[in-house]
């Protein structure tokens, strides 16, 4: 996922934001924050929908191996952020 960078705070951008606020009563910053939150929520829901199917596969695999699976530390920590 590409990280969204804030727009530069240039005088022309500030002026356009002020005009939109005065003329249309629209807060551009609030709208952009809502769009970003909605995007993150959609990604979280899509990710959560995959977890259940992966959990079922893992439980079946674990049961077939006797219930205890030892992982190497490199595999155990895979995907963790520092």
C-alpha atoms as a PDB file:
ATOM      1  CA  UNK A   1       0.000   0.000   0.000  1.00  0.00           C
ATOM      2  CA  UNK A   2       1.377   3.361  -0.997  1.00  0.00           C
ATOM      3  CA  UNK A   3       1.696   5.902   1.779  1.00  0.00           C
ATOM      4  CA  UNK A   4      -0.364   9.045   1.254  1.00  0.00           C
ATOM      5  CA  UNK A   5       1.642  12.222   1.678  1.00  0.00           C
ATOM      6  CA  UNK A   6       0.031  15.469   2.761  1.00  0.00           C
ATOM      7  CA  UNK A   7      -0.193  18.139   0.119  1.00  0.00           C
ATOM      8  CA  UNK A   8       2.319  20.953   0.412  1.00  0.00           C
ATOM      9  CA  UNK A   9       0.982  23.925   2.307  1.00  0.00           C
ATOM     10  CA  UNK A  10       1.430  26.471  -0.490  1.00  0.00           C
ATOM     11  CA  UNK A  11      -0.281  29.869  -0.559  1.00  0.00           C
ATOM     12  CA  UNK A  12      -2.374  28.928  -3.591  1.00  0.00           C
ATOM     13  CA  UNK A  13      -3.563  25.726  -1.902  1.00  0.00           C
ATOM     14  CA  UNK A  14      -4.462  27.596   1.282  1.00  0.00           C
ATOM     15  CA  UNK A  15      -6.337  30.166  -0.803  1.00  0.00           C
ATOM     16  CA  UNK A  16      -8.334  27.476  -2.633  1.00  0.00           C
ATOM     17  CA  UNK A  17      -9.212  25.841   0.689  1.00  0.00           C
ATOM     18  CA  UNK A  18     -10.401  29.180   2.060  1.00  0.00           C
ATOM     19  CA  UNK A  19     -12.525  29.814  -1.032  1.00  0.00           C
ATOM     20  CA  UNK A  20     -14.134  26.385  -0.835  1.00  0.00           C
ATOM     21  CA  UNK A  21     -14.860  26.970   2.841  1.00  0.00           C
ATOM     22  CA  UNK A  22     -16.436  30.406   2.224  1.00  0.00           C
ATOM     23  CA  UNK A  23     -18.332  29.676  -0.993  1.00  0.00           C
ATOM     24  CA  UNK A  24     -19.432  26.057  -0.552  1.00  0.00           C
ATOM     25  CA  UNK A  25     -18.961  25.643   3.219  1.00  0.00           C
ATOM     26  CA  UNK A  26     -16.719  22.626   2.535  1.00  0.00           C
ATOM     27  CA  UNK A  27     -13.780  21.693   4.743  1.00  0.00           C
ATOM     28  CA  UNK A  28     -11.281  20.049   2.386  1.00  0.00           C
ATOM     29  CA  UNK A  29      -9.070  18.750   5.199  1.00  0.00           C
ATOM     30  CA  UNK A  30     -12.004  17.028   6.952  1.00  0.00           C
ATOM     31  CA  UNK A  31     -13.101  15.378   3.698  1.00  0.00           C
ATOM     32  CA  UNK A  32      -9.580  14.088   3.009  1.00  0.00           C
ATOM     33  CA  UNK A  33      -9.331  12.685   6.566  1.00  0.00           C
ATOM     34  CA  UNK A  34     -12.652  10.868   6.108  1.00  0.00           C
ATOM     35  CA  UNK A  35     -11.531   9.371   2.799  1.00  0.00           C
ATOM     36  CA  UNK A  36      -8.294   8.096   4.352  1.00  0.00           C
ATOM     37  CA  UNK A  37     -10.162   6.597   7.342  1.00  0.00           C
ATOM     38  CA  UNK A  38     -12.647   4.894   5.010  1.00  0.00           C
ATOM     39  CA  UNK A  39      -9.798   3.415   2.963  1.00  0.00           C
ATOM     40  CA  UNK A  40      -8.052   2.041   6.071  1.00  0.00           C
ATOM     41  CA  UNK A  41     -11.354   0.579   7.320  1.00  0.00           C
ATOM     42  CA  UNK A  42     -11.960  -1.155   3.967  1.00  0.00           C
ATOM     43  CA  UNK A  43      -8.445  -2.656   4.000  1.00  0.00           C
ATOM     44  CA  UNK A  44      -8.949  -3.884   7.579  1.00  0.00           C
ATOM     45  CA  UNK A  45     -12.262  -5.556   6.668  1.00  0.00           C
ATOM     46  CA  UNK A  46     -10.725  -7.248   3.624  1.00  0.00           C
ATOM     47  CA  UNK A  47      -7.817  -8.507   5.730  1.00  0.00           C
ATOM     48  CA  UNK A  48     -10.125  -9.787   8.468  1.00  0.00           C
ATOM     49  CA  UNK A  49     -12.190 -11.745   5.941  1.00  0.00           C
ATOM     50  CA  UNK A  50      -9.055 -13.734   4.994  1.00  0.00           C
ATOM     51  CA  UNK A  51      -8.152 -14.541   8.601  1.00  0.00           C
ATOM     52  CA  UNK A  52     -11.014 -16.995   9.182  1.00  0.00           C
ATOM     53  CA  UNK A  53     -10.209 -19.161   6.172  1.00  0.00           C
ATOM     54  CA  UNK A  54      -6.496 -19.119   7.029  1.00  0.00           C
ATOM     55  CA  UNK A  55      -7.304 -20.042  10.648  1.00  0.00           C
ATOM     56  CA  UNK A  56      -9.345 -23.046   9.552  1.00  0.00           C
ATOM     57  CA  UNK A  57      -6.502 -24.243   7.317  1.00  0.00           C
ATOM     58  CA  UNK A  58      -3.990 -23.753  10.158  1.00  0.00           C
ATOM     59  CA  UNK A  59      -6.150 -25.660  12.677  1.00  0.00           C
ATOM     60  CA  UNK A  60      -6.519 -28.566  10.258  1.00  0.00           C
ATOM     61  CA  UNK A  61      -2.750 -28.595   9.592  1.00  0.00           C
ATOM     62  CA  UNK A  62      -1.970 -28.397  13.324  1.00  0.00           C
ATOM     63  CA  UNK A  63      -4.384 -31.243  14.094  1.00  0.00           C
ATOM     64  CA  UNK A  64      -2.805 -33.440  11.421  1.00  0.00           C
ATOM     65  CA  UNK A  65       0.664 -32.802  12.893  1.00  0.00           C
ATOM     66  CA  UNK A  66      -0.403 -33.736  16.413  1.00  0.00           C
ATOM     67  CA  UNK A  67      -1.426 -30.334  17.717  1.00  0.00           C
ATOM     68  CA  UNK A  68       2.034 -28.944  18.536  1.00  0.00           C
ATOM     69  CA  UNK A  69       4.125 -27.215  15.916  1.00  0.00           C
ATOM     70  CA  UNK A  70       7.522 -25.722  16.687  1.00  0.00           C
ATOM     71  CA  UNK A  71       8.563 -22.770  14.554  1.00  0.00           C
ATOM     72  CA  UNK A  72      12.022 -21.348  14.047  1.00  0.00           C
ATOM     73  CA  UNK A  73      12.441 -17.873  15.536  1.00  0.00           C
ATOM     74  CA  UNK A  74      12.818 -16.378  12.044  1.00  0.00           C
ATOM     75  CA  UNK A  75       9.477 -17.829  10.988  1.00  0.00           C
ATOM     76  CA  UNK A  76       7.790 -16.984  14.267  1.00  0.00           C
ATOM     77  CA  UNK A  77       8.755 -13.308  13.974  1.00  0.00           C
ATOM     78  CA  UNK A  78       7.914 -13.057  10.275  1.00  0.00           C
ATOM     79  CA  UNK A  79       5.676 -10.079   9.610  1.00  0.00           C
ATOM     80  CA  UNK A  80       6.285  -8.373  12.950  1.00  0.00           C
ATOM     81  CA  UNK A  81       7.234  -4.725  12.789  1.00  0.00           C
ATOM     82  CA  UNK A  82      10.046  -3.223  14.801  1.00  0.00           C
END
